[in-house]
Amino acid sequence: MLVLALDTATPTLVAGLARRSTDGVTVVLAERAVPSGNRHAELLTVAVTDVLAAAGVTVADVDAVVTGLGPGPFTGLRVGVVTAAALADARGLPVIGVCSLDAVGSGARTVVTDARRKEVYWATYAADGARVGGPGVVRPEELSVDGPVVGDERFAERLGADVTPADVTTAGLLRAAAAQLADPSSAAPLVPLYLRRPDAVPPTSFKPVTTT
């Protein structure tokens, strides 16, 4: 099975292509991790085109699509989810959504990523990789961590703990989606994990306009 993996939940956009065997072994054929800031919409299609070319295949060869569902900023996250849904719908492929934090690091750990507003997104995992806490959003000073912490190392001082740098990866996305890839009919609808309201909100009042 040839799987296209996408994630736009963090400031580093990830697009990758991997081959998954029937016994669950995954081999990453190509991957692009691009510092994207707020340019996800501009850079995602280019990254997808690059990984397909690097692997020597076309989108017609893809058998499934996996996308990170966040948590992440509203606009950036929506770009990845909509792109994955559109590609899958156009070709009649299964599309699988996973929590993006599940694709950062492995084993027992707490994952932290930048949530802006001086906060972090977080989730905690047991030794077998199962998520046992989160996802949530909190100020780093309020997050109690016990054990290894991976993700955005810029928050180490405010967390009061060492943070091993780690990002979303293609291998991590496929690992998080393993059960659904084994049985694509079990995949749930794509529901982004925003965790909080978007920064942009409709105005609650309007200034009257007069004409003469």
C-alpha atoms as a PDB file:
ATOM      1  CA  MET A   1       0.000   0.000   0.000  1.00  0.00           C
ATOM      2  CA  LEU A   2       1.379   3.396  -1.016  1.00  0.00           C
ATOM      3  CA  VAL A   3       0.382   6.068   1.502  1.00  0.00           C
ATOM      4  CA  LEU A   4       0.589   9.845   1.181  1.00  0.00           C
ATOM      5  CA  ALA A   5       0.946  11.525   4.589  1.00  0.00           C
ATOM      6  CA  LEU A   6       0.326  15.216   5.314  1.00  0.00           C
ATOM      7  CA  ASP A   7       0.453  17.438   8.374  1.00  0.00           C
ATOM      8  CA  THR A   8       0.007  21.199   8.703  1.00  0.00           C
ATOM      9  CA  ALA A   9      -0.664  21.395  12.449  1.00  0.00           C
ATOM     10  CA  THR A  10       2.711  22.918  13.359  1.00  0.00           C
ATOM     11  CA  PRO A  11       4.974  25.623  11.898  1.00  0.00           C
ATOM     12  CA  THR A  12       6.802  22.825  10.030  1.00  0.00           C
ATOM     13  CA  LEU A  13       4.699  21.452   7.193  1.00  0.00           C
ATOM     14  CA  VAL A  14       5.227  17.724   6.545  1.00  0.00           C
ATOM     15  CA  ALA A  15       4.465  15.775   3.375  1.00  0.00           C
ATOM     16  CA  GLY A  16       5.691  12.243   2.900  1.00  0.00           C
ATOM     17  CA  LEU A  17       5.207   9.096   0.906  1.00  0.00           C
ATOM     18  CA  ALA A  18       5.595   5.627   2.409  1.00  0.00           C
ATOM     19  CA  ARG A  19       5.013   2.038   1.423  1.00  0.00           C
ATOM     20  CA  ARG A  20       3.214  -0.107   4.000  1.00  0.00           C
ATOM     21  CA  SER A  21       3.321  -3.891   3.635  1.00  0.00           C
ATOM     22  CA  THR A  22       0.470  -6.227   4.593  1.00  0.00           C
ATOM     23  CA  ASP A  23       2.329  -7.153   7.793  1.00  0.00           C
ATOM     24  CA  GLY A  24       2.528  -3.498   8.851  1.00  0.00           C
ATOM     25  CA  VAL A  25       6.151  -2.746   7.960  1.00  0.00           C
ATOM     26  CA  THR A  26       6.528   0.858   6.789  1.00  0.00           C
ATOM     27  CA  VAL A  27       9.259   2.187   4.518  1.00  0.00           C
ATOM     28  CA  VAL A  28       9.397   5.963   3.976  1.00  0.00           C
ATOM     29  CA  LEU A  29      10.188   6.638   0.321  1.00  0.00           C
ATOM     30  CA  ALA A  30      10.325  10.425   0.413  1.00  0.00           C
ATOM     31  CA  GLU A  31       9.604  13.211   2.881  1.00  0.00           C
ATOM     32  CA  ARG A  32       9.631  16.990   2.958  1.00  0.00           C
ATOM     33  CA  ALA A  33       9.601  18.942   6.226  1.00  0.00           C
ATOM     34  CA  VAL A  34       9.287  22.625   5.364  1.00  0.00           C
ATOM     35  CA  PRO A  35       9.329  25.553   7.829  1.00  0.00           C
ATOM     36  CA  SER A  36       6.107  27.154   6.692  1.00  0.00           C
ATOM     37  CA  GLY A  37       4.916  29.646   9.305  1.00  0.00           C
ATOM     38  CA  ASN A  38       1.569  30.799   7.940  1.00  0.00           C
ATOM     39  CA  ARG A  39       2.313  29.724   4.341  1.00  0.00           C
ATOM     40  CA  HIS A  40       0.805  26.224   4.481  1.00  0.00           C
ATOM     41  CA  ALA A  41      -1.565  26.845   1.582  1.00  0.00           C
ATOM     42  CA  GLU A  42       1.273  28.153  -0.584  1.00  0.00           C
ATOM     43  CA  LEU A  43       3.744  25.364   0.188  1.00  0.00           C
ATOM     44  CA  LEU A  44       1.726  22.166   0.675  1.00  0.00           C
ATOM     45  CA  THR A  45       0.991  21.391  -2.988  1.00  0.00           C
ATOM     46  CA  VAL A  46       4.646  21.980  -3.865  1.00  0.00           C
ATOM     47  CA  ALA A  47       5.762  19.627  -1.084  1.00  0.00           C
ATOM     48  CA  VAL A  48       3.343  16.906  -2.236  1.00  0.00           C
ATOM     49  CA  THR A  49       4.560  17.259  -5.828  1.00  0.00           C
ATOM     50  CA  ASP A  50       8.177  17.030  -4.632  1.00  0.00           C
ATOM     51  CA  VAL A  51       7.704  13.811  -2.635  1.00  0.00           C
ATOM     52  CA  LEU A  52       5.832  12.125  -5.475  1.00  0.00           C
ATOM     53  CA  ALA A  53       8.614  13.049  -7.892  1.00  0.00           C
ATOM     54  CA  ALA A  54      11.330  11.958  -5.450  1.00  0.00           C
ATOM     55  CA  ALA A  55       9.655   8.556  -5.073  1.00  0.00           C
ATOM     56  CA  GLY A  56       9.187   8.223  -8.828  1.00  0.00           C
ATOM     57  CA  VAL A  57       5.402   7.841  -8.657  1.00  0.00           C
ATOM     58  CA  THR A  58       2.301   9.896  -9.440  1.00  0.00           C
ATOM     59  CA  VAL A  59      -0.803  10.609  -7.423  1.00  0.00           C
ATOM     60  CA  ALA A  60      -2.519   7.871  -9.446  1.00  0.00           C
ATOM     61  CA  ASP A  61      -0.281   5.335  -7.662  1.00  0.00           C
ATOM     62  CA  VAL A  62      -1.363   6.381  -4.162  1.00  0.00           C
ATOM     63  CA  ASP A  63      -3.607   3.928  -2.288  1.00  0.00           C
ATOM     64  CA  ALA A  64      -4.488   5.925   0.853  1.00  0.00           C
ATOM     65  CA  VAL A  65      -4.037   9.337   2.459  1.00  0.00           C
ATOM     66  CA  VAL A  66      -3.216  10.044   6.109  1.00  0.00           C
ATOM     67  CA  THR A  67      -3.497  13.531   7.576  1.00  0.00           C
ATOM     68  CA  GLY A  68      -2.778  15.094  10.931  1.00  0.00           C
ATOM     69  CA  LEU A  69      -5.903  16.521  12.576  1.00  0.00           C
ATOM     70  CA  GLY A  70      -4.065  18.756  15.015  1.00  0.00           C
ATOM     71  CA  PRO A  71      -4.332  20.250  17.494  1.00  0.00           C
ATOM     72  CA  GLY A  72      -3.132  23.292  15.639  1.00  0.00           C
ATOM     73  CA  PRO A  73      -4.010  26.811  14.490  1.00  0.00           C
ATOM     74  CA  PHE A  74      -7.309  27.024  12.616  1.00  0.00           C
ATOM     75  CA  THR A  75      -6.130  28.207   9.195  1.00  0.00           C
ATOM     76  CA  GLY A  76      -2.993  26.097   8.854  1.00  0.00           C
ATOM     77  CA  LEU A  77      -4.674  22.947  10.111  1.00  0.00           C
ATOM     78  CA  ARG A  78      -7.612  23.395   7.756  1.00  0.00           C
ATOM     79  CA  VAL A  79      -5.245  23.509   4.746  1.00  0.00           C
ATOM     80  CA  GLY A  80      -3.900  20.009   5.392  1.00  0.00           C
ATOM     81  CA  VAL A  81      -7.245  18.444   6.236  1.00  0.00           C
ATOM     82  CA  VAL A  82      -9.022  19.921   3.216  1.00  0.00           C
ATOM     83  CA  THR A  83      -6.168  18.963   0.878  1.00  0.00           C
ATOM     84  CA  ALA A  84      -6.159  15.370   2.137  1.00  0.00           C
ATOM     85  CA  ALA A  85      -9.930  15.129   1.816  1.00  0.00           C
ATOM     86  CA  ALA A  86      -9.902  16.586  -1.702  1.00  0.00           C
ATOM     87  CA  LEU A  87      -7.144  14.252  -2.937  1.00  0.00           C
ATOM     88  CA  ALA A  88      -8.865  11.216  -1.463  1.00  0.00           C
ATOM     89  CA  ASP A  89     -12.274  12.193  -2.807  1.00  0.00           C
ATOM     90  CA  ALA A  90     -10.937  12.849  -6.301  1.00  0.00           C
ATOM     91  CA  ARG A  91      -9.465   9.350  -6.504  1.00  0.00           C
ATOM     92  CA  GLY A  92     -11.902   7.447  -4.298  1.00  0.00           C
ATOM     93  CA  LEU A  93      -9.221   6.646  -1.719  1.00  0.00           C
ATOM     94  CA  PRO A  94      -9.545   6.031   2.020  1.00  0.00           C
ATOM     95  CA  VAL A  95      -8.492   9.069   4.061  1.00  0.00           C
ATOM     96  CA  ILE A  96      -7.461   8.664   7.683  1.00  0.00           C
ATOM     97  CA  GLY A  97      -7.084  11.394  10.273  1.00  0.00           C
ATOM     98  CA  VAL A  98      -4.864  11.102  13.350  1.00  0.00           C
ATOM     99  CA  CYS A  99      -3.929  13.339  16.247  1.00  0.00           C
ATOM    100  CA  SER A 100      -0.756  15.125  15.110  1.00  0.00           C
ATOM    101  CA  LEU A 101       0.804  14.830  18.574  1.00  0.00           C
ATOM    102  CA  ASP A 102       0.639  11.035  18.205  1.00  0.00           C
ATOM    103  CA  ALA A 103       3.135  11.373  15.337  1.00  0.00           C
ATOM    104  CA  VAL A 104       5.819  13.152  17.416  1.00  0.00           C
ATOM    105  CA  GLY A 105       8.379  10.882  19.079  1.00  0.00           C
ATOM    106  CA  SER A 106       7.729   7.349  20.338  1.00  0.00           C
ATOM    107  CA  GLY A 107       7.413   5.380  23.574  1.00  0.00           C
ATOM    108  CA  ALA A 108       6.697   6.910  26.971  1.00  0.00           C
ATOM    109  CA  ARG A 109       6.754  10.690  26.618  1.00  0.00           C
ATOM    110  CA  THR A 110       4.937  13.985  26.902  1.00  0.00           C
ATOM    111  CA  VAL A 111       4.683  15.874  23.619  1.00  0.00           C
ATOM    112  CA  VAL A 112       4.525  19.675  23.547  1.00  0.00           C
ATOM    113  CA  THR A 113       4.072  21.896  20.489  1.00  0.00           C
ATOM    114  CA  ASP A 114       3.591  25.619  20.053  1.00  0.00           C
ATOM    115  CA  ALA A 115      -0.028  26.701  20.506  1.00  0.00           C
ATOM    116  CA  ARG A 116       0.767  30.423  20.311  1.00  0.00           C
ATOM    117  CA  ARG A 117      -0.713  32.824  22.897  1.00  0.00           C
ATOM    118  CA  LYS A 118       2.164  31.683  25.194  1.00  0.00           C
ATOM    119  CA  GLU A 119       0.594  28.222  25.440  1.00  0.00           C
ATOM    120  CA  VAL A 120       1.437  24.681  24.335  1.00  0.00           C
ATOM    121  CA  TYR A 121      -0.549  21.803  22.933  1.00  0.00           C
ATOM    122  CA  TRP A 122       0.278  18.647  24.871  1.00  0.00           C
ATOM    123  CA  ALA A 123      -0.406  14.929  25.150  1.00  0.00           C
ATOM    124  CA  THR A 124       1.095  12.156  27.288  1.00  0.00           C
ATOM    125  CA  TYR A 125       1.890   8.600  26.182  1.00  0.00           C
ATOM    126  CA  ALA A 126       2.608   5.278  27.868  1.00  0.00           C
ATOM    127  CA  ALA A 127       5.573   3.030  27.034  1.00  0.00           C
ATOM    128  CA  ASP A 128       3.543   1.196  24.394  1.00  0.00           C
ATOM    129  CA  GLY A 129       2.778   4.507  22.669  1.00  0.00           C
ATOM    130  CA  ALA A 130      -0.861   4.656  23.767  1.00  0.00           C
ATOM    131  CA  ARG A 131      -2.083   8.156  24.551  1.00  0.00           C
ATOM    132  CA  VAL A 132      -3.025   8.406  28.237  1.00  0.00           C
ATOM    133  CA  GLY A 133      -3.541  12.159  28.594  1.00  0.00           C
ATOM    134  CA  GLY A 134      -4.636  15.002  26.333  1.00  0.00           C
ATOM    135  CA  PRO A 135      -4.652  16.396  23.812  1.00  0.00           C
ATOM    136  CA  GLY A 136      -4.991  19.689  25.584  1.00  0.00           C
ATOM    137  CA  VAL A 137      -3.833  23.288  25.540  1.00  0.00           C
ATOM    138  CA  VAL A 138      -2.276  25.001  28.557  1.00  0.00           C
ATOM    139  CA  ARG A 139       0.357  27.462  29.690  1.00  0.00           C
ATOM    140  CA  PRO A 140       3.655  25.571  30.061  1.00  0.00           C
ATOM    141  CA  GLU A 141       3.998  26.586  33.722  1.00  0.00           C
ATOM    142  CA  GLU A 142       0.713  24.830  34.477  1.00  0.00           C
ATOM    143  CA  LEU A 143       1.628  21.521  32.834  1.00  0.00           C
ATOM    144  CA  SER A 144       2.903  18.830  35.183  1.00  0.00           C
ATOM    145  CA  VAL A 145       5.327  16.525  33.375  1.00  0.00           C
ATOM    146  CA  ASP A 146       6.777  13.247  34.622  1.00  0.00           C
ATOM    147  CA  GLY A 147       9.241  11.520  32.322  1.00  0.00           C
ATOM    148  CA  PRO A 148      10.707  12.401  28.919  1.00  0.00           C
ATOM    149  CA  VAL A 149       9.391  15.479  27.116  1.00  0.00           C
ATOM    150  CA  VAL A 150       9.693  15.851  23.332  1.00  0.00           C
ATOM    151  CA  GLY A 151       8.617  18.494  20.857  1.00  0.00           C
ATOM    152  CA  ASP A 152       9.326  22.211  20.867  1.00  0.00           C
ATOM    153  CA  GLU A 153      12.464  22.764  22.950  1.00  0.00           C
ATOM    154  CA  ARG A 154      11.783  26.501  23.249  1.00  0.00           C
ATOM    155  CA  PHE A 155       9.405  25.737  26.114  1.00  0.00           C
ATOM    156  CA  ALA A 156      11.953  23.869  28.256  1.00  0.00           C
ATOM    157  CA  GLU A 157      12.562  26.707  30.711  1.00  0.00           C
ATOM    158  CA  ARG A 158       8.880  27.428  31.236  1.00  0.00           C
ATOM    159  CA  LEU A 159       8.130  23.722  31.640  1.00  0.00           C
ATOM    160  CA  GLY A 160      10.992  23.280  34.080  1.00  0.00           C
ATOM    161  CA  ALA A 161      12.121  20.181  32.163  1.00  0.00           C
ATOM    162  CA  ASP A 162      14.458  19.218  29.358  1.00  0.00           C
ATOM    163  CA  VAL A 163      12.750  18.929  25.981  1.00  0.00           C
ATOM    164  CA  THR A 164      14.163  16.705  23.246  1.00  0.00           C
ATOM    165  CA  PRO A 165      13.541  18.352  19.850  1.00  0.00           C
ATOM    166  CA  ALA A 166      11.073  16.336  17.774  1.00  0.00           C
ATOM    167  CA  ASP A 167       8.593  16.975  14.991  1.00  0.00           C
ATOM    168  CA  VAL A 168       5.730  15.262  13.215  1.00  0.00           C
ATOM    169  CA  THR A 169       7.134  12.673  10.790  1.00  0.00           C
ATOM    170  CA  THR A 170       5.774  10.547   7.973  1.00  0.00           C
ATOM    171  CA  ALA A 171       6.674   7.387   9.891  1.00  0.00           C
ATOM    172  CA  GLY A 172       4.902   8.772  12.963  1.00  0.00           C
ATOM    173  CA  LEU A 173       1.738   9.573  11.018  1.00  0.00           C
ATOM    174  CA  LEU A 174       1.590   6.051   9.585  1.00  0.00           C
ATOM    175  CA  ARG A 175       2.290   4.539  13.000  1.00  0.00           C
ATOM    176  CA  ALA A 176      -0.605   6.532  14.464  1.00  0.00           C
ATOM    177  CA  ALA A 177      -2.861   5.414  11.603  1.00  0.00           C
ATOM    178  CA  ALA A 178      -1.797   1.747  11.684  1.00  0.00           C
ATOM    179  CA  ALA A 179      -5.126   0.308  12.848  1.00  0.00           C
ATOM    180  CA  GLN A 180      -7.146   2.264  10.285  1.00  0.00           C
ATOM    181  CA  LEU A 181      -4.724   1.454   7.477  1.00  0.00           C
ATOM    182  CA  ALA A 182      -5.137  -2.234   8.308  1.00  0.00           C
ATOM    183  CA  ASP A 183      -8.913  -1.754   8.115  1.00  0.00           C
ATOM    184  CA  PRO A 184      -9.709   1.441   6.135  1.00  0.00           C
ATOM    185  CA  SER A 185     -13.452   0.935   6.704  1.00  0.00           C
ATOM    186  CA  SER A 186     -12.843   1.750  10.386  1.00  0.00           C
ATOM    187  CA  ALA A 187     -11.612   5.281   9.617  1.00  0.00           C
ATOM    188  CA  ALA A 188     -13.769   7.986  11.177  1.00  0.00           C
ATOM    189  CA  PRO A 189     -14.756  11.255   9.447  1.00  0.00           C
ATOM    190  CA  LEU A 190     -12.085  13.955   9.472  1.00  0.00           C
ATOM    191  CA  VAL A 191     -12.726  16.226  12.467  1.00  0.00           C
ATOM    192  CA  PRO A 192      -9.943  18.761  13.122  1.00  0.00           C
ATOM    193  CA  LEU A 193      -8.767  19.189  16.722  1.00  0.00           C
ATOM    194  CA  TYR A 194      -8.850  22.954  17.156  1.00  0.00           C
ATOM    195  CA  LEU A 195      -9.226  22.856  21.000  1.00  0.00           C
ATOM    196  CA  ARG A 196     -10.097  26.532  21.088  1.00  0.00           C
ATOM    197  CA  ARG A 197     -11.928  29.104  19.043  1.00  0.00           C
ATOM    198  CA  PRO A 198     -10.177  30.735  16.043  1.00  0.00           C
ATOM    199  CA  ASP A 199      -8.495  34.119  16.470  1.00  0.00           C
ATOM    200  CA  ALA A 200     -10.733  35.642  13.791  1.00  0.00           C
ATOM    201  CA  VAL A 201     -14.371  36.030  14.814  1.00  0.00           C
ATOM    202  CA  PRO A 202     -17.315  37.733  13.097  1.00  0.00           C
ATOM    203  CA  PRO A 203     -18.022  41.269  14.306  1.00  0.00           C
ATOM    204  CA  THR A 204     -20.830  41.545  16.857  1.00  0.00           C
ATOM    205  CA  SER A 205     -21.837  45.045  15.853  1.00  0.00           C
ATOM    206  CA  PHE A 206     -21.789  47.101  12.701  1.00  0.00           C
ATOM    207  CA  LYS A 207     -21.221  50.798  12.297  1.00  0.00           C
ATOM    208  CA  PRO A 208     -24.128  52.318  10.401  1.00  0.00           C
ATOM    209  CA  VAL A 209     -23.317  53.860   7.050  1.00  0.00           C
ATOM    210  CA  THR A 210     -25.210  56.938   5.926  1.00  0.00           C
ATOM    211  CA  THR A 211     -25.413  58.265   2.424  1.00  0.00           C
ATOM    212  CA  THR A 212     -26.201  61.759   1.290  1.00  0.00           C
END
